[in-house]
C-alpha atoms as a PDB file:
ATOM      1  CA  UNK A   1     -71.889 -51.523 -29.569  1.00  0.00           C
ATOM      2  CA  UNK A   2     -68.675 -51.157 -31.907  1.00  0.00           C
ATOM      3  CA  UNK A   3     -70.106 -48.016 -32.997  1.00  0.00           C
ATOM      4  CA  UNK A   4     -70.611 -46.757 -29.457  1.00  0.00           C
ATOM      5  CA  UNK A   5     -67.007 -47.684 -28.791  1.00  0.00           C
ATOM      6  CA  UNK A   6     -65.585 -46.047 -31.981  1.00  0.00           C
ATOM      7  CA  UNK A   7     -67.551 -42.639 -30.717  1.00  0.00           C
ATOM      8  CA  UNK A   8     -66.020 -42.966 -27.334  1.00  0.00           C
ATOM      9  CA  UNK A   9     -62.605 -43.278 -28.634  1.00  0.00           C
ATOM     10  CA  UNK A  10     -63.044 -40.266 -30.880  1.00  0.00           C
ATOM     11  CA  UNK A  11     -64.363 -38.072 -28.033  1.00  0.00           C
ATOM     12  CA  UNK A  12     -61.413 -39.167 -26.032  1.00  0.00           C
ATOM     13  CA  UNK A  13     -58.944 -38.417 -28.807  1.00  0.00           C
ATOM     14  CA  UNK A  14     -60.463 -34.933 -29.163  1.00  0.00           C
ATOM     15  CA  UNK A  15     -60.592 -34.341 -25.726  1.00  0.00           C
ATOM     16  CA  UNK A  16     -57.013 -34.992 -24.933  1.00  0.00           C
ATOM     17  CA  UNK A  17     -55.727 -32.807 -28.070  1.00  0.00           C
ATOM     18  CA  UNK A  18     -55.106 -29.352 -28.634  1.00  0.00           C
ATOM     19  CA  UNK A  19     -58.299 -27.240 -29.624  1.00  0.00           C
ATOM     20  CA  UNK A  20     -57.895 -26.615 -33.360  1.00  0.00           C
ATOM     21  CA  UNK A  21     -58.530 -22.718 -33.497  1.00  0.00           C
ATOM     22  CA  UNK A  22     -60.448 -21.609 -36.510  1.00  0.00           C
ATOM     23  CA  UNK A  23     -60.054 -17.756 -37.052  1.00  0.00           C
ATOM     24  CA  UNK A  24     -63.288 -16.289 -38.676  1.00  0.00           C
ATOM     25  CA  UNK A  25     -64.217 -12.656 -39.766  1.00  0.00           C
ATOM     26  CA  UNK A  26     -67.893 -12.671 -38.548  1.00  0.00           C
ATOM     27  CA  UNK A  27     -68.625 -11.583 -34.943  1.00  0.00           C
ATOM     28  CA  UNK A  28     -71.889 -13.821 -34.944  1.00  0.00           C
ATOM     29  CA  UNK A  29     -73.152 -16.596 -37.253  1.00  0.00           C
ATOM     30  CA  UNK A  30     -73.530 -15.004 -40.746  1.00  0.00           C
ATOM     31  CA  UNK A  31     -76.672 -15.182 -42.879  1.00  0.00           C
ATOM     32  CA  UNK A  32     -74.645 -16.755 -45.946  1.00  0.00           C
ATOM     33  CA  UNK A  33     -72.978 -20.159 -46.661  1.00  0.00           C
ATOM     34  CA  UNK A  34     -69.963 -19.176 -44.690  1.00  0.00           C
ATOM     35  CA  UNK A  35     -72.168 -20.037 -41.849  1.00  0.00           C
ATOM     36  CA  UNK A  36     -71.044 -23.539 -42.502  1.00  0.00           C
ATOM     37  CA  UNK A  37     -68.030 -22.905 -40.099  1.00  0.00           C
ATOM     38  CA  UNK A  38     -70.094 -21.954 -37.198  1.00  0.00           C
ATOM     39  CA  UNK A  39     -72.790 -24.441 -37.649  1.00  0.00           C
ATOM     40  CA  UNK A  40     -70.265 -27.209 -38.261  1.00  0.00           C
ATOM     41  CA  UNK A  41     -69.161 -26.499 -34.749  1.00  0.00           C
ATOM     42  CA  UNK A  42     -72.802 -26.266 -33.266  1.00  0.00           C
ATOM     43  CA  UNK A  43     -73.994 -29.412 -35.116  1.00  0.00           C
ATOM     44  CA  UNK A  44     -71.080 -31.624 -34.041  1.00  0.00           C
ATOM     45  CA  UNK A  45     -69.555 -32.105 -37.708  1.00  0.00           C
ATOM     46  CA  UNK A  46     -66.030 -31.457 -36.188  1.00  0.00           C
ATOM     47  CA  UNK A  47     -66.778 -33.392 -33.187  1.00  0.00           C
ATOM     48  CA  UNK A  48     -67.801 -36.609 -35.418  1.00  0.00           C
ATOM     49  CA  UNK A  49     -64.660 -36.221 -37.208  1.00  0.00           C
ATOM     50  CA  UNK A  50     -62.594 -36.230 -33.989  1.00  0.00           C
ATOM     51  CA  UNK A  51     -61.275 -32.638 -33.940  1.00  0.00           C
ATOM     52  CA  UNK A  52     -62.084 -30.285 -31.382  1.00  0.00           C
ATOM     53  CA  UNK A  53     -62.372 -26.815 -33.219  1.00  0.00           C
ATOM     54  CA  UNK A  54     -62.770 -23.645 -31.247  1.00  0.00           C
ATOM     55  CA  UNK A  55     -63.912 -20.361 -33.209  1.00  0.00           C
ATOM     56  CA  UNK A  56     -61.813 -17.382 -32.864  1.00  0.00           C
ATOM     57  CA  UNK A  57     -63.831 -14.262 -33.878  1.00  0.00           C
ATOM     58  CA  UNK A  58     -62.086 -11.042 -35.443  1.00  0.00           C
ATOM     59  CA  UNK A  59     -62.933  -8.134 -37.469  1.00  0.00           C
ATOM     60  CA  UNK A  60     -62.260  -8.644 -41.120  1.00  0.00           C
ATOM     61  CA  UNK A  61     -59.283  -9.912 -43.026  1.00  0.00           C
ATOM     62  CA  UNK A  62     -56.435  -8.250 -41.674  1.00  0.00           C
ATOM     63  CA  UNK A  63     -57.008  -8.894 -38.299  1.00  0.00           C
ATOM     64  CA  UNK A  64     -57.193 -12.588 -39.129  1.00  0.00           C
ATOM     65  CA  UNK A  65     -54.074 -12.642 -41.014  1.00  0.00           C
ATOM     66  CA  UNK A  66     -52.480 -10.920 -38.055  1.00  0.00           C
ATOM     67  CA  UNK A  67     -53.952 -13.504 -35.700  1.00  0.00           C
ATOM     68  CA  UNK A  68     -52.871 -16.843 -37.702  1.00  0.00           C
ATOM     69  CA  UNK A  69     -48.928 -15.231 -38.170  1.00  0.00           C
ATOM     70  CA  UNK A  70     -48.970 -14.871 -34.631  1.00  0.00           C
ATOM     71  CA  UNK A  71     -49.817 -18.349 -33.943  1.00  0.00           C
ATOM     72  CA  UNK A  72     -53.166 -17.426 -32.395  1.00  0.00           C
ATOM     73  CA  UNK A  73     -55.187 -19.927 -34.394  1.00  0.00           C
ATOM     74  CA  UNK A  74     -54.484 -22.675 -36.765  1.00  0.00           C
ATOM     75  CA  UNK A  75     -56.704 -21.863 -39.641  1.00  0.00           C
ATOM     76  CA  UNK A  76     -58.277 -18.490 -40.599  1.00  0.00           C
ATOM     77  CA  UNK A  77     -60.948 -17.567 -43.319  1.00  0.00           C
ATOM     78  CA  UNK A  78     -59.574 -14.595 -45.190  1.00  0.00           C
ATOM     79  CA  UNK A  79     -60.075 -12.734 -48.812  1.00  0.00           C
ATOM     80  CA  UNK A  80     -58.081 -13.932 -51.513  1.00  0.00           C
ATOM     81  CA  UNK A  81     -56.890 -10.608 -52.537  1.00  0.00           C
ATOM     82  CA  UNK A  82     -55.132 -10.108 -49.246  1.00  0.00           C
ATOM     83  CA  UNK A  83     -53.431 -13.411 -49.372  1.00  0.00           C
ATOM     84  CA  UNK A  84     -52.268 -12.804 -52.926  1.00  0.00           C
ATOM     85  CA  UNK A  85     -50.836  -9.588 -51.674  1.00  0.00           C
ATOM     86  CA  UNK A  86     -49.248 -11.106 -48.787  1.00  0.00           C
ATOM     87  CA  UNK A  87     -47.583 -13.834 -50.965  1.00  0.00           C
ATOM     88  CA  UNK A  88     -46.261 -11.349 -53.333  1.00  0.00           C
ATOM     89  CA  UNK A  89     -44.569  -9.337 -50.745  1.00  0.00           C
ATOM     90  CA  UNK A  90     -42.734 -12.448 -49.530  1.00  0.00           C
ATOM     91  CA  UNK A  91     -44.993 -14.633 -47.432  1.00  0.00           C
ATOM     92  CA  UNK A  92     -44.185 -18.260 -48.325  1.00  0.00           C
ATOM     93  CA  UNK A  93     -45.710 -20.228 -45.647  1.00  0.00           C
ATOM     94  CA  UNK A  94     -49.544 -19.727 -46.204  1.00  0.00           C
ATOM     95  CA  UNK A  95     -51.427 -22.147 -48.091  1.00  0.00           C
ATOM     96  CA  UNK A  96     -55.324 -22.065 -49.058  1.00  0.00           C
ATOM     97  CA  UNK A  97     -56.490 -25.766 -48.345  1.00  0.00           C
ATOM     98  CA  UNK A  98     -60.501 -25.194 -48.627  1.00  0.00           C
ATOM     99  CA  UNK A  99     -62.944 -22.356 -49.726  1.00  0.00           C
ATOM    100  CA  UNK A 100     -66.332 -23.133 -47.463  1.00  0.00           C
ATOM    101  CA  UNK A 101     -67.737 -20.031 -49.221  1.00  0.00           C
ATOM    102  CA  UNK A 102     -66.253 -19.304 -52.499  1.00  0.00           C
ATOM    103  CA  UNK A 103     -68.531 -16.520 -53.858  1.00  0.00           C
ATOM    104  CA  UNK A 104     -69.871 -14.479 -51.234  1.00  0.00           C
ATOM    105  CA  UNK A 105     -73.945 -13.252 -51.957  1.00  0.00           C
ATOM    106  CA  UNK A 106     -73.201  -9.584 -52.316  1.00  0.00           C
ATOM    107  CA  UNK A 107     -75.682  -7.272 -53.694  1.00  0.00           C
ATOM    108  CA  UNK A 108     -75.517  -3.355 -53.874  1.00  0.00           C
ATOM    109  CA  UNK A 109     -78.347  -1.525 -52.019  1.00  0.00           C
ATOM    110  CA  UNK A 110     -79.261   2.232 -52.418  1.00  0.00           C
ATOM    111  CA  UNK A 111     -81.605   4.862 -51.550  1.00  0.00           C
ATOM    112  CA  UNK A 112     -84.786   4.841 -53.985  1.00  0.00           C
ATOM    113  CA  UNK A 113     -83.193   8.184 -55.438  1.00  0.00           C
ATOM    114  CA  UNK A 114     -80.451   6.377 -56.772  1.00  0.00           C
ATOM    115  CA  UNK A 115     -82.323   4.667 -59.802  1.00  0.00           C
ATOM    116  CA  UNK A 116     -79.211   3.184 -61.860  1.00  0.00           C
ATOM    117  CA  UNK A 117     -75.474   2.403 -60.908  1.00  0.00           C
ATOM    118  CA  UNK A 118     -74.546   5.568 -62.999  1.00  0.00           C
ATOM    119  CA  UNK A 119     -76.425   7.528 -60.265  1.00  0.00           C
ATOM    120  CA  UNK A 120     -73.641   6.334 -57.674  1.00  0.00           C
ATOM    121  CA  UNK A 121     -71.339   9.198 -59.119  1.00  0.00           C
ATOM    122  CA  UNK A 122     -70.840  11.967 -56.722  1.00  0.00           C
ATOM    123  CA  UNK A 123     -72.625  10.017 -54.087  1.00  0.00           C
ATOM    124  CA  UNK A 124     -71.168   8.282 -50.742  1.00  0.00           C
ATOM    125  CA  UNK A 125     -70.782   4.453 -50.793  1.00  0.00           C
ATOM    126  CA  UNK A 126     -70.327   2.538 -47.473  1.00  0.00           C
ATOM    127  CA  UNK A 127     -67.178  -0.102 -47.545  1.00  0.00           C
ATOM    128  CA  UNK A 128     -65.614  -2.275 -44.630  1.00  0.00           C
ATOM    129  CA  UNK A 129     -62.108  -0.555 -45.032  1.00  0.00           C
ATOM    130  CA  UNK A 130     -60.036   0.862 -47.679  1.00  0.00           C
ATOM    131  CA  UNK A 131     -59.089  -2.054 -49.845  1.00  0.00           C
ATOM    132  CA  UNK A 132     -61.413  -4.563 -48.573  1.00  0.00           C
ATOM    133  CA  UNK A 133     -62.889  -7.234 -50.203  1.00  0.00           C
ATOM    134  CA  UNK A 134     -66.280  -5.633 -50.459  1.00  0.00           C
ATOM    135  CA  UNK A 135     -64.897  -2.457 -51.947  1.00  0.00           C
ATOM    136  CA  UNK A 136     -62.367  -4.157 -54.461  1.00  0.00           C
ATOM    137  CA  UNK A 137     -65.470  -6.253 -55.927  1.00  0.00           C
ATOM    138  CA  UNK A 138     -68.015  -3.584 -55.703  1.00  0.00           C
ATOM    139  CA  UNK A 139     -65.795  -1.179 -57.736  1.00  0.00           C
ATOM    140  CA  UNK A 140     -65.461  -3.750 -60.521  1.00  0.00           C
ATOM    141  CA  UNK A 141     -69.245  -4.251 -60.546  1.00  0.00           C
ATOM    142  CA  UNK A 142     -69.503  -0.352 -60.653  1.00  0.00           C
ATOM    143  CA  UNK A 143     -67.024  -0.083 -63.553  1.00  0.00           C
ATOM    144  CA  UNK A 144     -68.751  -2.895 -65.570  1.00  0.00           C
ATOM    145  CA  UNK A 145     -71.774  -0.712 -65.218  1.00  0.00           C
ATOM    146  CA  UNK A 146     -70.042   2.232 -66.400  1.00  0.00           C
ATOM    147  CA  UNK A 147     -69.731   4.048 -63.396  1.00  0.00           C
ATOM    148  CA  UNK A 148     -66.504   6.459 -62.845  1.00  0.00           C
ATOM    149  CA  UNK A 149     -65.426   5.189 -59.220  1.00  0.00           C
ATOM    150  CA  UNK A 150     -63.186   7.989 -58.705  1.00  0.00           C
ATOM    151  CA  UNK A 151     -66.283  10.054 -58.598  1.00  0.00           C
ATOM    152  CA  UNK A 152     -67.643   8.001 -55.711  1.00  0.00           C
ATOM    153  CA  UNK A 153     -67.036   8.819 -52.187  1.00  0.00           C
ATOM    154  CA  UNK A 154     -66.099   5.618 -50.329  1.00  0.00           C
ATOM    155  CA  UNK A 155     -66.661   5.726 -46.572  1.00  0.00           C
ATOM    156  CA  UNK A 156     -65.263   3.104 -44.375  1.00  0.00           C
ATOM    157  CA  UNK A 157     -67.977   1.685 -41.765  1.00  0.00           C
ATOM    158  CA  UNK A 158     -66.816  -1.712 -40.935  1.00  0.00           C
ATOM    159  CA  UNK A 159     -68.864  -4.911 -41.088  1.00  0.00           C
ATOM    160  CA  UNK A 160     -71.986  -5.378 -43.352  1.00  0.00           C
ATOM    161  CA  UNK A 161     -74.483  -5.019 -40.443  1.00  0.00           C
ATOM    162  CA  UNK A 162     -72.974  -1.528 -39.605  1.00  0.00           C
ATOM    163  CA  UNK A 163     -72.978  -0.526 -43.263  1.00  0.00           C
ATOM    164  CA  UNK A 164     -76.648  -1.486 -43.593  1.00  0.00           C
ATOM    165  CA  UNK A 165     -77.618   0.390 -40.342  1.00  0.00           C
ATOM    166  CA  UNK A 166     -75.688   3.342 -41.973  1.00  0.00           C
ATOM    167  CA  UNK A 167     -77.497   3.373 -45.118  1.00  0.00           C
ATOM    168  CA  UNK A 168     -81.043   3.003 -43.052  1.00  0.00           C
ATOM    169  CA  UNK A 169     -79.997   5.745 -41.117  1.00  0.00           C
ATOM    170  CA  UNK A 170     -79.380   8.053 -44.168  1.00  0.00           C
ATOM    171  CA  UNK A 171     -75.220   8.472 -43.304  1.00  0.00           C
ATOM    172  CA  UNK A 172     -74.517   7.014 -46.840  1.00  0.00           C
ATOM    173  CA  UNK A 173     -76.257   6.743 -49.920  1.00  0.00           C
ATOM    174  CA  UNK A 174     -75.336   3.158 -50.953  1.00  0.00           C
ATOM    175  CA  UNK A 175     -73.495  -0.010 -49.930  1.00  0.00           C
ATOM    176  CA  UNK A 176     -72.660  -3.607 -50.393  1.00  0.00           C
ATOM    177  CA  UNK A 177     -74.040  -6.258 -48.366  1.00  0.00           C
ATOM    178  CA  UNK A 178     -74.953  -9.742 -48.346  1.00  0.00           C
ATOM    179  CA  UNK A 179     -78.383 -10.890 -49.255  1.00  0.00           C
ATOM    180  CA  UNK A 180     -78.704 -12.091 -45.684  1.00  0.00           C
ATOM    181  CA  UNK A 181     -77.945  -8.851 -44.133  1.00  0.00           C
ATOM    182  CA  UNK A 182     -80.429  -7.259 -46.637  1.00  0.00           C
ATOM    183  CA  UNK A 183     -83.101  -9.661 -45.969  1.00  0.00           C
ATOM    184  CA  UNK A 184     -82.809  -8.958 -42.006  1.00  0.00           C
ATOM    185  CA  UNK A 185     -83.503  -5.392 -42.310  1.00  0.00           C
ATOM    186  CA  UNK A 186     -86.937  -4.670 -40.691  1.00  0.00           C
ATOM    187  CA  UNK A 187     -87.946  -1.564 -42.620  1.00  0.00           C
ATOM    188  CA  UNK A 188     -86.327  -0.947 -46.144  1.00  0.00           C
ATOM    189  CA  UNK A 189     -88.752   1.890 -46.907  1.00  0.00           C
ATOM    190  CA  UNK A 190     -86.811   4.405 -49.167  1.00  0.00           C
ATOM    191  CA  UNK A 191     -84.533   1.624 -50.153  1.00  0.00           C
ATOM    192  CA  UNK A 192     -83.987  -0.806 -53.042  1.00  0.00           C
ATOM    193  CA  UNK A 193     -81.524  -3.404 -54.574  1.00  0.00           C
ATOM    194  CA  UNK A 194     -79.541  -1.448 -57.075  1.00  0.00           C
ATOM    195  CA  UNK A 195     -77.460  -4.472 -58.517  1.00  0.00           C
ATOM    196  CA  UNK A 196     -79.092  -7.883 -57.598  1.00  0.00           C
ATOM    197  CA  UNK A 197     -76.803 -11.047 -56.511  1.00  0.00           C
ATOM    198  CA  UNK A 198     -76.836 -12.565 -59.909  1.00  0.00           C
ATOM    199  CA  UNK A 199     -75.728  -9.319 -61.749  1.00  0.00           C
ATOM    200  CA  UNK A 200     -73.279  -8.846 -59.127  1.00  0.00           C
ATOM    201  CA  UNK A 201     -71.646 -12.118 -59.601  1.00  0.00           C
ATOM    202  CA  UNK A 202     -71.882 -11.672 -63.325  1.00  0.00           C
ATOM    203  CA  UNK A 203     -69.880  -8.481 -63.013  1.00  0.00           C
ATOM    204  CA  UNK A 204     -67.217  -9.773 -60.416  1.00  0.00           C
ATOM    205  CA  UNK A 205     -67.272 -13.536 -60.603  1.00  0.00           C
ATOM    206  CA  UNK A 206     -64.319 -14.957 -58.518  1.00  0.00           C
ATOM    207  CA  UNK A 207     -63.263 -16.888 -55.433  1.00  0.00           C
ATOM    208  CA  UNK A 208     -63.651 -14.373 -52.762  1.00  0.00           C
ATOM    209  CA  UNK A 209     -62.507 -16.169 -49.553  1.00  0.00           C
ATOM    210  CA  UNK A 210     -60.522 -19.112 -48.698  1.00  0.00           C
ATOM    211  CA  UNK A 211     -59.166 -21.131 -45.411  1.00  0.00           C
ATOM    212  CA  UNK A 212     -55.616 -20.722 -45.057  1.00  0.00           C
ATOM    213  CA  UNK A 213     -52.981 -22.708 -42.901  1.00  0.00           C
ATOM    214  CA  UNK A 214     -49.462 -22.336 -42.141  1.00  0.00           C
ATOM    215  CA  UNK A 215     -46.884 -24.802 -43.178  1.00  0.00           C
ATOM    216  CA  UNK A 216     -45.990 -25.261 -39.788  1.00  0.00           C
ATOM    217  CA  UNK A 217     -49.463 -26.379 -39.275  1.00  0.00           C
ATOM    218  CA  UNK A 218     -49.660 -28.610 -42.252  1.00  0.00           C
ATOM    219  CA  UNK A 219     -46.341 -30.311 -40.942  1.00  0.00           C
ATOM    220  CA  UNK A 220     -47.740 -30.887 -37.466  1.00  0.00           C
ATOM    221  CA  UNK A 221     -51.633 -31.209 -37.512  1.00  0.00           C
ATOM    222  CA  UNK A 222     -52.216 -32.163 -41.070  1.00  0.00           C
ATOM    223  CA  UNK A 223     -54.640 -34.810 -39.872  1.00  0.00           C
ATOM    224  CA  UNK A 224     -56.707 -32.288 -38.239  1.00  0.00           C
ATOM    225  CA  UNK A 225     -56.645 -30.213 -41.063  1.00  0.00           C
ATOM    226  CA  UNK A 226     -58.260 -32.952 -43.196  1.00  0.00           C
ATOM    227  CA  UNK A 227     -60.610 -33.831 -40.482  1.00  0.00           C
ATOM    228  CA  UNK A 228     -61.909 -29.992 -40.618  1.00  0.00           C
ATOM    229  CA  UNK A 229     -61.997 -30.245 -44.444  1.00  0.00           C
ATOM    230  CA  UNK A 230     -64.045 -33.463 -44.462  1.00  0.00           C
ATOM    231  CA  UNK A 231     -66.271 -31.878 -41.879  1.00  0.00           C
ATOM    232  CA  UNK A 232     -66.911 -28.768 -43.593  1.00  0.00           C
ATOM    233  CA  UNK A 233     -67.707 -30.743 -46.919  1.00  0.00           C
ATOM    234  CA  UNK A 234     -70.155 -32.999 -45.295  1.00  0.00           C
ATOM    235  CA  UNK A 235     -71.998 -30.094 -43.711  1.00  0.00           C
ATOM    236  CA  UNK A 236     -72.085 -28.216 -47.018  1.00  0.00           C
ATOM    237  CA  UNK A 237     -73.523 -31.275 -48.943  1.00  0.00           C
ATOM    238  CA  UNK A 238     -76.068 -31.788 -46.029  1.00  0.00           C
ATOM    239  CA  UNK A 239     -77.538 -28.332 -46.345  1.00  0.00           C
ATOM    240  CA  UNK A 240     -77.148 -28.502 -50.370  1.00  0.00           C
ATOM    241  CA  UNK A 241     -79.392 -31.637 -50.254  1.00  0.00           C
ATOM    242  CA  UNK A 242     -81.914 -30.216 -47.735  1.00  0.00           C
ATOM    243  CA  UNK A 243     -82.115 -26.376 -47.366  1.00  0.00           C
ATOM    244  CA  UNK A 244     -84.466 -26.678 -44.327  1.00  0.00           C
ATOM    245  CA  UNK A 245     -81.599 -28.383 -42.297  1.00  0.00           C
ATOM    246  CA  UNK A 246     -79.594 -25.090 -42.908  1.00  0.00           C
ATOM    247  CA  UNK A 247     -82.757 -22.939 -41.658  1.00  0.00           C
ATOM    248  CA  UNK A 248     -83.134 -25.182 -38.447  1.00  0.00           C
ATOM    249  CA  UNK A 249     -79.614 -25.019 -37.732  1.00  0.00           C
ATOM    250  CA  UNK A 250     -79.678 -21.044 -38.177  1.00  0.00           C
ATOM    251  CA  UNK A 251     -82.854 -21.070 -35.778  1.00  0.00           C
ATOM    252  CA  UNK A 252     -80.589 -22.489 -33.055  1.00  0.00           C
ATOM    253  CA  UNK A 253     -77.629 -20.281 -33.769  1.00  0.00           C
ATOM    254  CA  UNK A 254     -79.656 -16.872 -34.323  1.00  0.00           C
ATOM    255  CA  UNK A 255     -83.098 -17.460 -32.240  1.00  0.00           C
ATOM    256  CA  UNK A 256     -83.906 -13.848 -33.239  1.00  0.00           C
ATOM    257  CA  UNK A 257     -83.746 -14.367 -37.047  1.00  0.00           C
ATOM    258  CA  UNK A 258     -87.198 -14.230 -38.997  1.00  0.00           C
ATOM    259  CA  UNK A 259     -87.975 -17.855 -39.922  1.00  0.00           C
ATOM    260  CA  UNK A 260     -89.463 -16.528 -43.387  1.00  0.00           C
ATOM    261  CA  UNK A 261     -86.332 -14.816 -44.077  1.00  0.00           C
ATOM    262  CA  UNK A 262     -84.206 -17.965 -43.266  1.00  0.00           C
ATOM    263  CA  UNK A 263     -86.726 -20.179 -45.681  1.00  0.00           C
ATOM    264  CA  UNK A 264     -86.019 -17.546 -48.261  1.00  0.00           C
ATOM    265  CA  UNK A 265     -82.408 -17.562 -48.031  1.00  0.00           C
ATOM    266  CA  UNK A 266     -81.859 -21.340 -47.390  1.00  0.00           C
ATOM    267  CA  UNK A 267     -83.569 -21.695 -50.787  1.00  0.00           C
ATOM    268  CA  UNK A 268     -81.376 -19.229 -52.576  1.00  0.00           C
ATOM    269  CA  UNK A 269     -78.221 -20.798 -51.226  1.00  0.00           C
ATOM    270  CA  UNK A 270     -79.096 -24.365 -52.415  1.00  0.00           C
ATOM    271  CA  UNK A 271     -76.724 -24.039 -55.233  1.00  0.00           C
ATOM    272  CA  UNK A 272     -73.889 -22.205 -53.561  1.00  0.00           C
ATOM    273  CA  UNK A 273     -72.522 -24.644 -51.118  1.00  0.00           C
ATOM    274  CA  UNK A 274     -68.688 -25.906 -51.418  1.00  0.00           C
ATOM    275  CA  UNK A 275     -69.862 -29.498 -51.803  1.00  0.00           C
ATOM    276  CA  UNK A 276     -66.263 -30.393 -52.921  1.00  0.00           C
ATOM    277  CA  UNK A 277     -64.505 -27.824 -51.003  1.00  0.00           C
ATOM    278  CA  UNK A 278     -64.565 -25.070 -53.308  1.00  0.00           C
ATOM    279  CA  UNK A 279     -60.919 -25.060 -54.711  1.00  0.00           C
ATOM    280  CA  UNK A 280     -60.989 -25.172 -58.346  1.00  0.00           C
ATOM    281  CA  UNK A 281     -57.943 -24.394 -60.188  1.00  0.00           C
ATOM    282  CA  UNK A 282     -59.913 -22.737 -63.041  1.00  0.00           C
ATOM    283  CA  UNK A 283     -61.928 -20.661 -60.825  1.00  0.00           C
ATOM    284  CA  UNK A 284     -58.797 -19.597 -58.374  1.00  0.00           C
ATOM    285  CA  UNK A 285     -56.861 -18.757 -61.760  1.00  0.00           C
ATOM    286  CA  UNK A 286     -59.494 -16.761 -63.168  1.00  0.00           C
ATOM    287  CA  UNK A 287     -59.914 -14.843 -59.728  1.00  0.00           C
ATOM    288  CA  UNK A 288     -56.164 -14.063 -59.964  1.00  0.00           C
ATOM    289  CA  UNK A 289     -56.479 -12.743 -63.344  1.00  0.00           C
ATOM    290  CA  UNK A 290     -59.323 -10.421 -62.363  1.00  0.00           C
ATOM    291  CA  UNK A 291     -57.771  -9.156 -59.246  1.00  0.00           C
ATOM    292  CA  UNK A 292     -54.464  -8.456 -60.983  1.00  0.00           C
ATOM    293  CA  UNK A 293     -56.598  -6.119 -63.659  1.00  0.00           C
ATOM    294  CA  UNK A 294     -57.331  -3.863 -60.488  1.00  0.00           C
ATOM    295  CA  UNK A 295     -55.575  -0.854 -59.372  1.00  0.00           C
ATOM    296  CA  UNK A 296     -54.471  -2.503 -55.946  1.00  0.00           C
ATOM    297  CA  UNK A 297     -52.197  -4.942 -57.842  1.00  0.00           C
ATOM    298  CA  UNK A 298     -50.747  -2.519 -60.362  1.00  0.00           C
ATOM    299  CA  UNK A 299     -47.475  -3.173 -59.156  1.00  0.00           C
ATOM    300  CA  UNK A 300     -47.722  -6.353 -57.672  1.00  0.00           C
ATOM    301  CA  UNK A 301     -45.311  -9.287 -58.775  1.00  0.00           C
ATOM    302  CA  UNK A 302     -47.152 -12.139 -60.261  1.00  0.00           C
ATOM    303  CA  UNK A 303     -47.591 -15.177 -57.951  1.00  0.00           C
ATOM    304  CA  UNK A 304     -47.988 -18.863 -59.151  1.00  0.00           C
ATOM    305  CA  UNK A 305     -51.091 -20.774 -57.843  1.00  0.00           C
ATOM    306  CA  UNK A 306     -48.610 -23.379 -55.853  1.00  0.00           C
ATOM    307  CA  UNK A 307     -47.205 -20.381 -53.922  1.00  0.00           C
ATOM    308  CA  UNK A 308     -50.550 -19.963 -51.915  1.00  0.00           C
ATOM    309  CA  UNK A 309     -52.907 -23.269 -52.637  1.00  0.00           C
ATOM    310  CA  UNK A 310     -52.521 -26.796 -51.471  1.00  0.00           C
ATOM    311  CA  UNK A 311     -54.839 -29.131 -53.293  1.00  0.00           C
ATOM    312  CA  UNK A 312     -53.421 -32.422 -51.681  1.00  0.00           C
ATOM    313  CA  UNK A 313     -55.629 -32.195 -48.736  1.00  0.00           C
ATOM    314  CA  UNK A 314     -59.067 -31.831 -50.643  1.00  0.00           C
ATOM    315  CA  UNK A 315     -58.021 -34.469 -53.129  1.00  0.00           C
ATOM    316  CA  UNK A 316     -57.363 -37.111 -50.256  1.00  0.00           C
ATOM    317  CA  UNK A 317     -60.686 -36.019 -48.650  1.00  0.00           C
ATOM    318  CA  UNK A 318     -62.731 -36.410 -52.037  1.00  0.00           C
ATOM    319  CA  UNK A 319     -60.986 -39.522 -52.552  1.00  0.00           C
ATOM    320  CA  UNK A 320     -62.805 -41.054 -49.525  1.00  0.00           C
ATOM    321  CA  UNK A 321     -66.031 -39.215 -49.991  1.00  0.00           C
ATOM    322  CA  UNK A 322     -66.329 -39.023 -53.694  1.00  0.00           C
ATOM    323  CA  UNK A 323     -67.300 -35.695 -55.659  1.00  0.00           C
ATOM    324  CA  UNK A 324     -70.585 -34.229 -55.988  1.00  0.00           C
ATOM    325  CA  UNK A 325     -70.732 -33.295 -59.821  1.00  0.00           C
ATOM    326  CA  UNK A 326     -74.111 -31.305 -59.299  1.00  0.00           C
ATOM    327  CA  UNK A 327     -72.009 -28.146 -58.282  1.00  0.00           C
ATOM    328  CA  UNK A 328     -68.904 -26.748 -57.120  1.00  0.00           C
ATOM    329  CA  UNK A 329     -66.514 -27.996 -59.980  1.00  0.00           C
ATOM    330  CA  UNK A 330     -63.214 -30.065 -59.380  1.00  0.00           C
ATOM    331  CA  UNK A 331     -60.487 -28.883 -61.717  1.00  0.00           C
ATOM    332  CA  UNK A 332     -56.788 -29.341 -61.253  1.00  0.00           C
END
């Protein structure tokens, strides 16, 4: 009886509060661990924590940054590179508070005639936009494989599924997509994986995306931010413990998805979930170091981790939940 009363009180509190708008850069539930944000809404994780989360969908990080700075959302999932550039340029009110999917499962796929990464020279390569996260990471992967990236023709195409469609149609010679997008392509005849997920991450290991909030949101809705973090960590732990739970949730979110593909992906993601919130100081500092070695940061002032990260909320949540020592290290 007490549990039922508590649930009713939580529901009433959530119903009376302003929605907590979470800005995401996927137009539908993605076939990657970042899906945890969509699924936490669908599966009631946020509701059980007593926060009414509403997803705001935009295309790519610049739109997400513009939306949160315009007050069109309370939290946004964005690329770390874009956040650092913004902070270095003078933005002082944005803080990363969690990374639901810190390492995107990218791989490079290409036409069969491109046998090695070196063969990318003189070829067209689909990217999201100039300077996008997929381009910056893939440029590092190419360089690590001895590719002269100045000889690669980068073609801005937009979202990963659009890039995949362009590759299938022969409009570009290669592109970067997630393993989920690659697995969902019905017919890959004439195409192959040029750089697999493990080799890609080895060449460009970094925290790719974080969820940020403004200082105003931290001041006014700190408890709601903690509830969002709690829900995302709980969902991530459930999916890590039982890949079939993620598969089942994704079958509801994407009824057209191939069940065998979802099962394969669920297994491959088992060790990729941010079971402690995904914010490791060591990993974040390594990410900053790697990014500052790239051309986009050649003339950018160095930023300290305290200028753009707030560990206190995750630490308070983990004090209640405990830490999962099997993956997702917690370093401060």
